Amino acid sequence: MRCAYELIARGKGEFLAQNAIEAVEMAYERGETDEFIQSTVIKAPVKIEKGDVLIFMNYRADRARQITQAFTDENFQGFSRGTFTPTQFICLTEYKKDFNLPVAYPSAKLNNVLGKYLSNLGMTQLRIAETEKYAHVTFFLNGGIERPFYGEDRILIPSPDVATYDLKPEMSAFELTDELAENIESQKYDLIICNFANTDMVGHSGKLDAAIKAVEAVDKCLGIVYQSLRSIDGEMLITADHGNVEQMVNPETGEVHTAHTSNPVPLIFVSQRVVEIAEPNTGTLSDIAPTLLLMMNVEKPEEMTGTPLITFTK
């Protein structure tokens, strides 16, 4: 983040280019792929001056918070900025309520999201992930609400401190799984939501060997989770909201593929009960919460427009 701040605020970078295309081409010559391009100044350096207006076009709250604080918080402690330069800073979306910054597109209010609905019913839930996906199982899943709902506990497992995750493709999956298995077997929670980061984060590296190791790590971890669930007669759904690691090469160009895909994702139902499954390729993400609620024998709220993807026959 310091590199990004120095580049934007002070016009200081590792390299100099005449235009963005040249900057990217220079990075490729250095062996850098898009995600890892080092800071490059375009033409003459430009510094941010007092009174300048910054419009931050990032719509992802979790990725935008840190650098937003660097530009707007007079007491920021993340790194030394030198002399603080106050600016008019506008967020594209609401990154965090207590930032108290202008927002171009305020968040829509969501009622009866899964976590809130279960909380209102007096049910308990656990959210667990490592650093890279922690916001996804908390802030995002709760409809942009920062604080936990009543009855909601959270466990954050630190992601490994490496330059890129292909250097440690297992990331913190095994530490995460140890905590997850322990909490499953405790039978303390009505619902546990967990995110394994490996297949997405390592998939972004474009390194096939590392991606294979990442998938193998998650596979081993899911085996451990399965055994814990079997021991208490529990159930689970396994799914994703986008593809990545299943396509590491562009089939048309033969080049390395590092981006998300829009390929259909699996939905795996693990249970001792007998069910009928919906027709393949008919489900959407809006059907996941209703399916979970059916598994928990809880009626879905009227705000949920999706339908369960399974029917219990016994």
C-alpha atoms as a PDB file:
ATOM      1  CA  MET A   1       0.000   0.000   0.000  1.00  0.00           C
ATOM      2  CA  ARG A   2       2.900   2.361   0.727  1.00  0.00           C
ATOM      3  CA  CYS A   3       4.020   2.037  -2.912  1.00  0.00           C
ATOM      4  CA  ALA A   4       0.544   2.951  -4.180  1.00  0.00           C
ATOM      5  CA  TYR A   5       0.321   5.923  -1.824  1.00  0.00           C
ATOM      6  CA  GLU A   6       3.764   7.230  -2.804  1.00  0.00           C
ATOM      7  CA  LEU A   7       2.877   6.882  -6.484  1.00  0.00           C
ATOM      8  CA  ILE A   8      -0.469   8.680  -6.246  1.00  0.00           C
ATOM      9  CA  ALA A   9       0.335  11.274  -3.604  1.00  0.00           C
ATOM     10  CA  ARG A  10       3.985  12.045  -4.308  1.00  0.00           C
ATOM     11  CA  GLY A  11       4.506  10.939  -7.895  1.00  0.00           C
ATOM     12  CA  LYS A  12       7.237   8.526  -6.798  1.00  0.00           C
ATOM     13  CA  GLY A  13       7.550   5.113  -8.418  1.00  0.00           C
ATOM     14  CA  GLU A  14      10.054   2.417  -9.270  1.00  0.00           C
ATOM     15  CA  PHE A  15       9.882   3.092 -13.000  1.00  0.00           C
ATOM     16  CA  LEU A  16       9.030   5.847 -15.492  1.00  0.00           C
ATOM     17  CA  ALA A  17       7.017   5.405 -18.710  1.00  0.00           C
ATOM     18  CA  GLN A  18       5.550   7.730 -21.332  1.00  0.00           C
ATOM     19  CA  ASN A  19       2.113   6.087 -21.285  1.00  0.00           C
ATOM     20  CA  ALA A  20       0.209   3.219 -19.687  1.00  0.00           C
ATOM     21  CA  ILE A  21       0.799   0.851 -22.604  1.00  0.00           C
ATOM     22  CA  GLU A  22       4.542   1.364 -22.355  1.00  0.00           C
ATOM     23  CA  ALA A  23       4.365   0.802 -18.583  1.00  0.00           C
ATOM     24  CA  VAL A  24       2.643  -2.555 -19.073  1.00  0.00           C
ATOM     25  CA  GLU A  25       5.032  -3.623 -21.841  1.00  0.00           C
ATOM     26  CA  MET A  26       8.028  -2.720 -19.663  1.00  0.00           C
ATOM     27  CA  ALA A  27       6.569  -4.790 -16.837  1.00  0.00           C
ATOM     28  CA  TYR A  28       6.148  -7.790 -19.133  1.00  0.00           C
ATOM     29  CA  GLU A  29       9.785  -7.461 -20.162  1.00  0.00           C
ATOM     30  CA  ARG A  30      10.704  -7.625 -16.466  1.00  0.00           C
ATOM     31  CA  GLY A  31       8.676 -10.823 -16.149  1.00  0.00           C
ATOM     32  CA  GLU A  32       5.815  -9.202 -14.211  1.00  0.00           C
ATOM     33  CA  THR A  33       2.208 -10.186 -14.888  1.00  0.00           C
ATOM     34  CA  ASP A  34      -0.694  -7.739 -14.583  1.00  0.00           C
ATOM     35  CA  GLU A  35      -1.377  -8.323 -10.890  1.00  0.00           C
ATOM     36  CA  PHE A  36       2.241  -7.673  -9.915  1.00  0.00           C
ATOM     37  CA  ILE A  37       3.219  -4.654 -12.022  1.00  0.00           C
ATOM     38  CA  GLN A  38       5.466  -2.414  -9.934  1.00  0.00           C
ATOM     39  CA  SER A  39       4.716   1.267  -9.394  1.00  0.00           C
ATOM     40  CA  THR A  40       5.337   3.264 -12.561  1.00  0.00           C
ATOM     41  CA  VAL A  41       5.114   7.028 -13.029  1.00  0.00           C
ATOM     42  CA  ILE A  42       3.470   8.078 -16.322  1.00  0.00           C
ATOM     43  CA  LYS A  43       5.245  11.054 -17.929  1.00  0.00           C
ATOM     44  CA  ALA A  44       6.136  13.827 -15.485  1.00  0.00           C
ATOM     45  CA  PRO A  45       5.485  13.119 -11.779  1.00  0.00           C
ATOM     46  CA  VAL A  46       2.376  14.817 -10.368  1.00  0.00           C
ATOM     47  CA  LYS A  47       1.907  15.475  -6.657  1.00  0.00           C
ATOM     48  CA  ILE A  48      -1.354  15.822  -4.772  1.00  0.00           C
ATOM     49  CA  GLU A  49      -1.757  19.331  -3.404  1.00  0.00           C
ATOM     50  CA  LYS A  50      -3.880  20.652  -0.560  1.00  0.00           C
ATOM     51  CA  GLY A  51      -7.486  21.138  -1.693  1.00  0.00           C
ATOM     52  CA  ASP A  52      -7.292  18.622  -4.557  1.00  0.00           C
ATOM     53  CA  VAL A  53     -10.334  16.422  -5.124  1.00  0.00           C
ATOM     54  CA  LEU A  54      -9.838  12.651  -5.252  1.00  0.00           C
ATOM     55  CA  ILE A  55     -12.618  10.396  -6.563  1.00  0.00           C
ATOM     56  CA  PHE A  56     -11.792   6.801  -5.681  1.00  0.00           C
ATOM     57  CA  MET A  57     -13.317   4.570  -8.386  1.00  0.00           C
ATOM     58  CA  ASN A  58     -12.883   1.280  -6.507  1.00  0.00           C
ATOM     59  CA  TYR A  59     -16.267  -0.240  -5.650  1.00  0.00           C
ATOM     60  CA  ARG A  60     -14.832  -3.024  -3.462  1.00  0.00           C
ATOM     61  CA  ALA A  61     -15.026  -1.905   0.165  1.00  0.00           C
ATOM     62  CA  ASP A  62     -12.550  -4.456   1.514  1.00  0.00           C
ATOM     63  CA  ARG A  63      -9.833  -3.520  -0.982  1.00  0.00           C
ATOM     64  CA  ALA A  64     -10.380   0.223  -0.659  1.00  0.00           C
ATOM     65  CA  ARG A  65     -10.334   0.840   3.070  1.00  0.00           C
ATOM     66  CA  GLN A  66      -6.621   0.865   3.810  1.00  0.00           C
ATOM     67  CA  ILE A  67      -5.539   3.354   1.175  1.00  0.00           C
ATOM     68  CA  THR A  68      -8.624   5.481   1.841  1.00  0.00           C
ATOM     69  CA  GLN A  69      -7.439   5.796   5.435  1.00  0.00           C
ATOM     70  CA  ALA A  70      -3.966   6.745   4.242  1.00  0.00           C
ATOM     71  CA  PHE A  71      -5.425   9.661   2.270  1.00  0.00           C
ATOM     72  CA  THR A  72      -8.034  10.826   4.768  1.00  0.00           C
ATOM     73  CA  ASP A  73      -7.041   9.937   8.339  1.00  0.00           C
ATOM     74  CA  GLU A  74      -4.833  12.575   9.923  1.00  0.00           C
ATOM     75  CA  ASN A  75      -3.819  10.042  12.595  1.00  0.00           C
ATOM     76  CA  PHE A  76      -3.050   7.197  10.183  1.00  0.00           C
ATOM     77  CA  GLN A  77      -0.318   4.907  11.600  1.00  0.00           C
ATOM     78  CA  GLY A  78       0.116   2.314   8.849  1.00  0.00           C
ATOM     79  CA  PHE A  79       3.344   3.860   7.536  1.00  0.00           C
ATOM     80  CA  SER A  80       5.073   7.236   7.491  1.00  0.00           C
ATOM     81  CA  ARG A  81       3.454   9.571   4.956  1.00  0.00           C
ATOM     82  CA  GLY A  82       5.601  12.587   5.717  1.00  0.00           C
ATOM     83  CA  THR A  83       3.532  15.762   5.799  1.00  0.00           C
ATOM     84  CA  PHE A  84      -0.199  14.957   5.671  1.00  0.00           C
ATOM     85  CA  THR A  85      -1.960  16.625   2.715  1.00  0.00           C
ATOM     86  CA  PRO A  86      -5.715  17.089   3.311  1.00  0.00           C
ATOM     87  CA  THR A  87      -7.888  16.523   0.231  1.00  0.00           C
ATOM     88  CA  GLN A  88     -11.538  16.345  -0.753  1.00  0.00           C
ATOM     89  CA  PHE A  89     -11.960  12.567  -0.951  1.00  0.00           C
ATOM     90  CA  ILE A  90     -15.050  10.985  -2.535  1.00  0.00           C
ATOM     91  CA  CYS A  91     -15.735   7.231  -2.282  1.00  0.00           C
ATOM     92  CA  LEU A  92     -17.503   5.501  -5.157  1.00  0.00           C
ATOM     93  CA  THR A  93     -19.387   3.269  -2.690  1.00  0.00           C
ATOM     94  CA  GLU A  94     -19.542   3.204   1.093  1.00  0.00           C
ATOM     95  CA  TYR A  95     -16.284   1.614   2.231  1.00  0.00           C
ATOM     96  CA  LYS A  96     -16.996   1.976   5.950  1.00  0.00           C
ATOM     97  CA  LYS A  97     -19.649   3.923   7.841  1.00  0.00           C
ATOM     98  CA  ASP A  98     -17.355   5.576  10.361  1.00  0.00           C
ATOM     99  CA  PHE A  99     -15.145   7.045   7.617  1.00  0.00           C
ATOM    100  CA  ASN A 100     -17.749   9.831   7.355  1.00  0.00           C
ATOM    101  CA  LEU A 101     -16.708  10.572   3.773  1.00  0.00           C
ATOM    102  CA  PRO A 102     -18.849  11.605   0.786  1.00  0.00           C
ATOM    103  CA  VAL A 103     -20.183   8.581  -1.130  1.00  0.00           C
ATOM    104  CA  ALA A 104     -21.180   8.765  -4.794  1.00  0.00           C
ATOM    105  CA  TYR A 105     -23.427   5.682  -4.681  1.00  0.00           C
ATOM    106  CA  PRO A 106     -24.719   4.876  -1.177  1.00  0.00           C
ATOM    107  CA  SER A 107     -25.430   1.251  -0.339  1.00  0.00           C
ATOM    108  CA  ALA A 108     -28.933  -0.127  -0.733  1.00  0.00           C
ATOM    109  CA  LYS A 109     -30.459  -1.305   2.531  1.00  0.00           C
ATOM    110  CA  LEU A 110     -30.953  -5.069   2.640  1.00  0.00           C
ATOM    111  CA  ASN A 111     -33.547  -6.533   4.980  1.00  0.00           C
ATOM    112  CA  ASN A 112     -33.544 -10.031   6.463  1.00  0.00           C
ATOM    113  CA  VAL A 113     -30.179 -11.145   5.130  1.00  0.00           C
ATOM    114  CA  LEU A 114     -29.365 -14.684   6.239  1.00  0.00           C
ATOM    115  CA  GLY A 115     -27.327 -13.737   9.304  1.00  0.00           C
ATOM    116  CA  LYS A 116     -29.804 -11.161  10.585  1.00  0.00           C
ATOM    117  CA  TYR A 117     -32.762 -13.469  10.011  1.00  0.00           C
ATOM    118  CA  LEU A 118     -31.176 -16.296  12.008  1.00  0.00           C
ATOM    119  CA  SER A 119     -30.139 -13.856  14.723  1.00  0.00           C
ATOM    120  CA  ASN A 120     -33.717 -12.637  15.067  1.00  0.00           C
ATOM    121  CA  LEU A 121     -34.780 -16.261  15.510  1.00  0.00           C
ATOM    122  CA  GLY A 122     -32.332 -16.641  18.398  1.00  0.00           C
ATOM    123  CA  MET A 123     -30.029 -18.992  16.497  1.00  0.00           C
ATOM    124  CA  THR A 124     -26.238 -19.074  16.788  1.00  0.00           C
ATOM    125  CA  GLN A 125     -23.733 -18.812  13.957  1.00  0.00           C
ATOM    126  CA  LEU A 126     -19.980 -18.759  13.368  1.00  0.00           C
ATOM    127  CA  ARG A 127     -18.105 -17.012  10.549  1.00  0.00           C
ATOM    128  CA  ILE A 128     -14.559 -18.230   9.963  1.00  0.00           C
ATOM    129  CA  ALA A 129     -11.950 -17.461   7.281  1.00  0.00           C
ATOM    130  CA  GLU A 130      -8.361 -16.423   6.875  1.00  0.00           C
ATOM    131  CA  THR A 131      -7.453 -12.787   6.328  1.00  0.00           C
ATOM    132  CA  GLU A 132      -7.927 -12.700   2.555  1.00  0.00           C
ATOM    133  CA  LYS A 133     -11.573 -13.804   2.737  1.00  0.00           C
ATOM    134  CA  TYR A 134     -12.586 -12.629   6.198  1.00  0.00           C
ATOM    135  CA  ALA A 135     -14.584  -9.668   4.865  1.00  0.00           C
ATOM    136  CA  HIS A 136     -16.498 -12.009   2.570  1.00  0.00           C
ATOM    137  CA  VAL A 137     -17.907 -14.149   5.391  1.00  0.00           C
ATOM    138  CA  THR A 138     -18.629 -11.125   7.600  1.00  0.00           C
ATOM    139  CA  PHE A 139     -19.137  -7.664   6.075  1.00  0.00           C
ATOM    140  CA  PHE A 140     -20.293  -8.764   2.613  1.00  0.00           C
ATOM    141  CA  LEU A 141     -22.395 -11.706   3.724  1.00  0.00           C
ATOM    142  CA  ASN A 142     -24.114  -9.464   6.255  1.00  0.00           C
ATOM    143  CA  GLY A 143     -25.190  -7.023   3.556  1.00  0.00           C
ATOM    144  CA  GLY A 144     -22.507  -4.419   4.257  1.00  0.00           C
ATOM    145  CA  ILE A 145     -23.055  -4.352   8.019  1.00  0.00           C
ATOM    146  CA  GLU A 146     -19.805  -4.181   9.958  1.00  0.00           C
ATOM    147  CA  ARG A 147     -20.825  -5.376  13.407  1.00  0.00           C
ATOM    148  CA  PRO A 148     -21.692  -9.020  14.127  1.00  0.00           C
ATOM    149  CA  PHE A 149     -25.343  -9.830  14.669  1.00  0.00           C
ATOM    150  CA  TYR A 150     -26.473 -11.082  18.064  1.00  0.00           C
ATOM    151  CA  GLY A 151     -25.436 -14.727  18.380  1.00  0.00           C
ATOM    152  CA  GLU A 152     -22.773 -14.391  15.664  1.00  0.00           C
ATOM    153  CA  ASP A 153     -19.162 -15.246  16.537  1.00  0.00           C
ATOM    154  CA  ARG A 154     -16.168 -14.689  14.273  1.00  0.00           C
ATOM    155  CA  ILE A 155     -12.743 -16.307  13.946  1.00  0.00           C
ATOM    156  CA  LEU A 156      -9.985 -14.731  11.846  1.00  0.00           C
ATOM    157  CA  ILE A 157      -7.035 -16.941  10.878  1.00  0.00           C
ATOM    158  CA  PRO A 158      -4.045 -14.825   9.709  1.00  0.00           C
ATOM    159  CA  SER A 159      -3.027 -15.397   6.090  1.00  0.00           C
ATOM    160  CA  PRO A 160       0.664 -16.242   5.587  1.00  0.00           C
ATOM    161  CA  ASP A 161       3.125 -13.376   5.217  1.00  0.00           C
ATOM    162  CA  VAL A 162       4.450 -14.068   1.713  1.00  0.00           C
ATOM    163  CA  ALA A 163       4.916 -11.861  -1.335  1.00  0.00           C
ATOM    164  CA  THR A 164       2.550 -13.982  -3.451  1.00  0.00           C
ATOM    165  CA  TYR A 165       0.473 -16.971  -2.458  1.00  0.00           C
ATOM    166  CA  ASP A 166       1.937 -19.297  -5.071  1.00  0.00           C
ATOM    167  CA  LEU A 167       4.926 -19.400  -2.679  1.00  0.00           C
ATOM    168  CA  LYS A 168       2.678 -21.019  -0.050  1.00  0.00           C
ATOM    169  CA  PRO A 169      -0.319 -22.447  -1.918  1.00  0.00           C
ATOM    170  CA  GLU A 170      -1.768 -24.137   1.162  1.00  0.00           C
ATOM    171  CA  MET A 171      -1.985 -20.639   2.700  1.00  0.00           C
ATOM    172  CA  SER A 172      -3.571 -21.040   6.175  1.00  0.00           C
ATOM    173  CA  ALA A 173      -6.079 -23.697   5.150  1.00  0.00           C
ATOM    174  CA  PHE A 174      -4.915 -26.321   7.636  1.00  0.00           C
ATOM    175  CA  GLU A 175      -4.912 -23.913  10.585  1.00  0.00           C
ATOM    176  CA  LEU A 176      -8.366 -22.791   9.489  1.00  0.00           C
ATOM    177  CA  THR A 177      -9.558 -26.381   9.261  1.00  0.00           C
ATOM    178  CA  ASP A 178      -8.317 -27.206  12.765  1.00  0.00           C
ATOM    179  CA  GLU A 179     -10.442 -24.381  14.177  1.00  0.00           C
ATOM    180  CA  LEU A 180     -13.376 -25.283  11.960  1.00  0.00           C
ATOM    181  CA  ALA A 181     -13.356 -28.964  12.924  1.00  0.00           C
ATOM    182  CA  GLU A 182     -13.122 -28.125  16.621  1.00  0.00           C
ATOM    183  CA  ASN A 183     -16.120 -25.806  16.396  1.00  0.00           C
ATOM    184  CA  ILE A 184     -18.148 -28.283  14.352  1.00  0.00           C
ATOM    185  CA  GLU A 185     -17.609 -30.997  16.931  1.00  0.00           C
ATOM    186  CA  SER A 186     -18.466 -28.617  19.782  1.00  0.00           C
ATOM    187  CA  GLN A 187     -22.035 -28.427  18.371  1.00  0.00           C
ATOM    188  CA  LYS A 188     -22.187 -24.876  19.699  1.00  0.00           C
ATOM    189  CA  TYR A 189     -23.545 -23.310  16.511  1.00  0.00           C
ATOM    190  CA  ASP A 190     -26.681 -23.745  14.427  1.00  0.00           C
ATOM    191  CA  LEU A 191     -24.785 -22.562  11.321  1.00  0.00           C
ATOM    192  CA  ILE A 192     -21.097 -22.226  10.461  1.00  0.00           C
ATOM    193  CA  ILE A 193     -19.986 -20.326   7.359  1.00  0.00           C
ATOM    194  CA  CYS A 194     -16.385 -20.801   6.202  1.00  0.00           C
ATOM    195  CA  ASN A 195     -14.401 -19.612   3.192  1.00  0.00           C
ATOM    196  CA  PHE A 196     -11.286 -21.365   1.852  1.00  0.00           C
ATOM    197  CA  ALA A 197      -9.229 -18.735   0.018  1.00  0.00           C
ATOM    198  CA  ASN A 198      -6.705 -20.949  -1.769  1.00  0.00           C
ATOM    199  CA  THR A 199      -8.304 -21.709  -5.110  1.00  0.00           C
ATOM    200  CA  ASP A 200      -9.060 -18.044  -5.755  1.00  0.00           C
ATOM    201  CA  MET A 201      -5.920 -16.391  -4.396  1.00  0.00           C
ATOM    202  CA  VAL A 202      -3.465 -18.914  -5.842  1.00  0.00           C
ATOM    203  CA  GLY A 203      -5.484 -19.089  -9.053  1.00  0.00           C
ATOM    204  CA  HIS A 204      -4.754 -15.394  -9.553  1.00  0.00           C
ATOM    205  CA  SER A 205      -1.026 -16.124  -9.644  1.00  0.00           C
ATOM    206  CA  GLY A 206      -1.289 -17.967 -12.946  1.00  0.00           C
ATOM    207  CA  LYS A 207       1.104 -20.658 -11.661  1.00  0.00           C
ATOM    208  CA  LEU A 208      -0.394 -24.042 -12.545  1.00  0.00           C
ATOM    209  CA  ASP A 209       1.818 -26.130 -10.236  1.00  0.00           C
ATOM    210  CA  ALA A 210       0.933 -23.907  -7.285  1.00  0.00           C
ATOM    211  CA  ALA A 211      -2.757 -23.960  -8.221  1.00  0.00           C
ATOM    212  CA  ILE A 212      -2.741 -27.768  -8.193  1.00  0.00           C
ATOM    213  CA  LYS A 213      -1.196 -27.734  -4.710  1.00  0.00           C
ATOM    214  CA  ALA A 214      -3.834 -25.236  -3.579  1.00  0.00           C
ATOM    215  CA  VAL A 215      -6.649 -27.486  -4.790  1.00  0.00           C
ATOM    216  CA  GLU A 216      -5.038 -30.509  -3.137  1.00  0.00           C
ATOM    217  CA  ALA A 217      -4.791 -28.620   0.162  1.00  0.00           C
ATOM    218  CA  VAL A 218      -8.466 -27.658   0.095  1.00  0.00           C
ATOM    219  CA  ASP A 219      -9.384 -31.225  -0.852  1.00  0.00           C
ATOM    220  CA  LYS A 220      -7.550 -32.589   2.201  1.00  0.00           C
ATOM    221  CA  CYS A 221      -9.164 -29.967   4.424  1.00  0.00           C
ATOM    222  CA  LEU A 222     -12.651 -30.785   3.173  1.00  0.00           C
ATOM    223  CA  GLY A 223     -11.976 -34.420   4.017  1.00  0.00           C
ATOM    224  CA  ILE A 224     -11.231 -33.419   7.612  1.00  0.00           C
ATOM    225  CA  VAL A 225     -14.353 -31.256   7.739  1.00  0.00           C
ATOM    226  CA  TYR A 226     -16.418 -34.141   6.370  1.00  0.00           C
ATOM    227  CA  GLN A 227     -15.224 -36.474   9.120  1.00  0.00           C
ATOM    228  CA  SER A 228     -16.070 -33.888  11.786  1.00  0.00           C
ATOM    229  CA  LEU A 229     -19.560 -33.479  10.358  1.00  0.00           C
ATOM    230  CA  ARG A 230     -20.075 -37.249  10.200  1.00  0.00           C
ATOM    231  CA  SER A 231     -19.180 -37.522  13.883  1.00  0.00           C
ATOM    232  CA  ILE A 232     -22.108 -35.269  14.872  1.00  0.00           C
ATOM    233  CA  ASP A 233     -24.483 -36.153  12.019  1.00  0.00           C
ATOM    234  CA  GLY A 234     -24.048 -32.670  10.554  1.00  0.00           C
ATOM    235  CA  GLU A 235     -24.619 -31.436   7.003  1.00  0.00           C
ATOM    236  CA  MET A 236     -22.943 -28.963   4.673  1.00  0.00           C
ATOM    237  CA  LEU A 237     -23.142 -27.206   1.335  1.00  0.00           C
ATOM    238  CA  ILE A 238     -19.975 -26.594  -0.688  1.00  0.00           C
ATOM    239  CA  THR A 239     -20.109 -23.939  -3.404  1.00  0.00           C
ATOM    240  CA  ALA A 240     -18.487 -20.808  -4.838  1.00  0.00           C
ATOM    241  CA  ASP A 241     -19.658 -17.524  -6.315  1.00  0.00           C
ATOM    242  CA  HIS A 242     -17.274 -17.504  -9.303  1.00  0.00           C
ATOM    243  CA  GLY A 243     -14.674 -19.614 -11.047  1.00  0.00           C
ATOM    244  CA  ASN A 244     -10.902 -19.127 -11.266  1.00  0.00           C
ATOM    245  CA  VAL A 245      -8.577 -22.050 -10.671  1.00  0.00           C
ATOM    246  CA  GLU A 246     -10.403 -24.371 -13.085  1.00  0.00           C
ATOM    247  CA  GLN A 247      -9.056 -22.299 -15.996  1.00  0.00           C
ATOM    248  CA  MET A 248      -5.371 -21.462 -15.739  1.00  0.00           C
ATOM    249  CA  VAL A 249      -4.792 -21.074 -19.495  1.00  0.00           C
ATOM    250  CA  ASN A 250      -6.725 -19.042 -22.051  1.00  0.00           C
ATOM    251  CA  PRO A 251      -7.974 -21.710 -24.501  1.00  0.00           C
ATOM    252  CA  GLU A 252      -7.959 -19.275 -27.426  1.00  0.00           C
ATOM    253  CA  THR A 253      -4.533 -17.669 -26.965  1.00  0.00           C
ATOM    254  CA  GLY A 254      -2.658 -20.226 -24.881  1.00  0.00           C
ATOM    255  CA  GLU A 255      -1.637 -17.446 -22.496  1.00  0.00           C
ATOM    256  CA  VAL A 256      -1.745 -17.673 -18.713  1.00  0.00           C
ATOM    257  CA  HIS A 257      -5.220 -16.908 -17.331  1.00  0.00           C
ATOM    258  CA  THR A 258      -5.260 -15.133 -13.950  1.00  0.00           C
ATOM    259  CA  ALA A 259      -8.767 -13.675 -13.787  1.00  0.00           C
ATOM    260  CA  HIS A 260     -12.111 -14.873 -12.488  1.00  0.00           C
ATOM    261  CA  THR A 261     -14.345 -16.841 -14.821  1.00  0.00           C
ATOM    262  CA  SER A 262     -18.100 -16.938 -15.286  1.00  0.00           C
ATOM    263  CA  ASN A 263     -18.134 -20.734 -15.528  1.00  0.00           C
ATOM    264  CA  PRO A 264     -20.886 -22.556 -13.598  1.00  0.00           C
ATOM    265  CA  VAL A 265     -19.766 -23.512 -10.089  1.00  0.00           C
ATOM    266  CA  PRO A 266     -20.591 -26.708  -8.199  1.00  0.00           C
ATOM    267  CA  LEU A 267     -23.075 -27.019  -5.369  1.00  0.00           C
ATOM    268  CA  ILE A 268     -22.314 -30.109  -3.304  1.00  0.00           C
ATOM    269  CA  PHE A 269     -24.769 -31.263  -0.648  1.00  0.00           C
ATOM    270  CA  VAL A 270     -23.280 -33.474   2.083  1.00  0.00           C
ATOM    271  CA  SER A 271     -25.775 -35.296   4.298  1.00  0.00           C
ATOM    272  CA  GLN A 272     -26.978 -38.665   5.546  1.00  0.00           C
ATOM    273  CA  ARG A 273     -30.504 -37.729   4.467  1.00  0.00           C
ATOM    274  CA  VAL A 274     -31.963 -38.707   1.103  1.00  0.00           C
ATOM    275  CA  VAL A 275     -32.814 -35.822  -1.197  1.00  0.00           C
ATOM    276  CA  GLU A 276     -33.942 -35.014  -4.699  1.00  0.00           C
ATOM    277  CA  ILE A 277     -31.754 -32.472  -6.470  1.00  0.00           C
ATOM    278  CA  ALA A 278     -32.979 -29.661  -8.711  1.00  0.00           C
ATOM    279  CA  GLU A 279     -32.307 -29.859 -12.434  1.00  0.00           C
ATOM    280  CA  PRO A 280     -28.608 -29.216 -13.243  1.00  0.00           C
ATOM    281  CA  ASN A 281     -27.640 -25.640 -14.137  1.00  0.00           C
ATOM    282  CA  THR A 282     -30.926 -24.194 -12.879  1.00  0.00           C
ATOM    283  CA  GLY A 283     -29.761 -22.761  -9.558  1.00  0.00           C
ATOM    284  CA  THR A 284     -28.446 -19.281  -8.800  1.00  0.00           C
ATOM    285  CA  LEU A 285     -26.671 -17.743  -5.812  1.00  0.00           C
ATOM    286  CA  SER A 286     -30.003 -16.448  -4.533  1.00  0.00           C
ATOM    287  CA  ASP A 287     -31.034 -20.078  -3.976  1.00  0.00           C
ATOM    288  CA  ILE A 288     -28.218 -20.860  -1.519  1.00  0.00           C
ATOM    289  CA  ALA A 289     -29.703 -19.198   1.575  1.00  0.00           C
ATOM    290  CA  PRO A 290     -33.170 -20.764   1.035  1.00  0.00           C
ATOM    291  CA  THR A 291     -31.471 -24.146   0.641  1.00  0.00           C
ATOM    292  CA  LEU A 292     -29.566 -23.667   3.903  1.00  0.00           C
ATOM    293  CA  LEU A 293     -32.746 -22.652   5.695  1.00  0.00           C
ATOM    294  CA  LEU A 294     -34.526 -25.764   4.418  1.00  0.00           C
ATOM    295  CA  MET A 295     -31.662 -27.895   5.756  1.00  0.00           C
ATOM    296  CA  MET A 296     -32.124 -26.156   9.124  1.00  0.00           C
ATOM    297  CA  ASN A 297     -35.907 -26.654   9.035  1.00  0.00           C
ATOM    298  CA  VAL A 298     -36.421 -22.885   9.054  1.00  0.00           C
ATOM    299  CA  GLU A 299     -38.967 -21.112   6.856  1.00  0.00           C
ATOM    300  CA  LYS A 300     -37.407 -18.561   4.513  1.00  0.00           C
ATOM    301  CA  PRO A 301     -38.354 -14.870   4.864  1.00  0.00           C
ATOM    302  CA  GLU A 302     -40.413 -13.189   2.167  1.00  0.00           C
ATOM    303  CA  GLU A 303     -37.424 -11.036   1.145  1.00  0.00           C
ATOM    304  CA  MET A 304     -35.608 -14.114  -0.168  1.00  0.00           C
ATOM    305  CA  THR A 305     -36.756 -14.663  -3.742  1.00  0.00           C
ATOM    306  CA  GLY A 306     -34.702 -17.815  -4.339  1.00  0.00           C
ATOM    307  CA  THR A 307     -35.928 -21.375  -3.900  1.00  0.00           C
ATOM    308  CA  PRO A 308     -34.316 -24.436  -2.264  1.00  0.00           C
ATOM    309  CA  LEU A 309     -32.307 -26.594  -4.657  1.00  0.00           C
ATOM    310  CA  ILE A 310     -33.021 -29.817  -2.775  1.00  0.00           C
ATOM    311  CA  THR A 311     -36.118 -31.665  -1.585  1.00  0.00           C
ATOM    312  CA  PHE A 312     -35.932 -34.115   1.300  1.00  0.00           C
ATOM    313  CA  THR A 313     -37.555 -37.449   0.524  1.00  0.00           C
ATOM    314  CA  LYS A 314     -36.873 -39.094   3.902  1.00  0.00           C
END
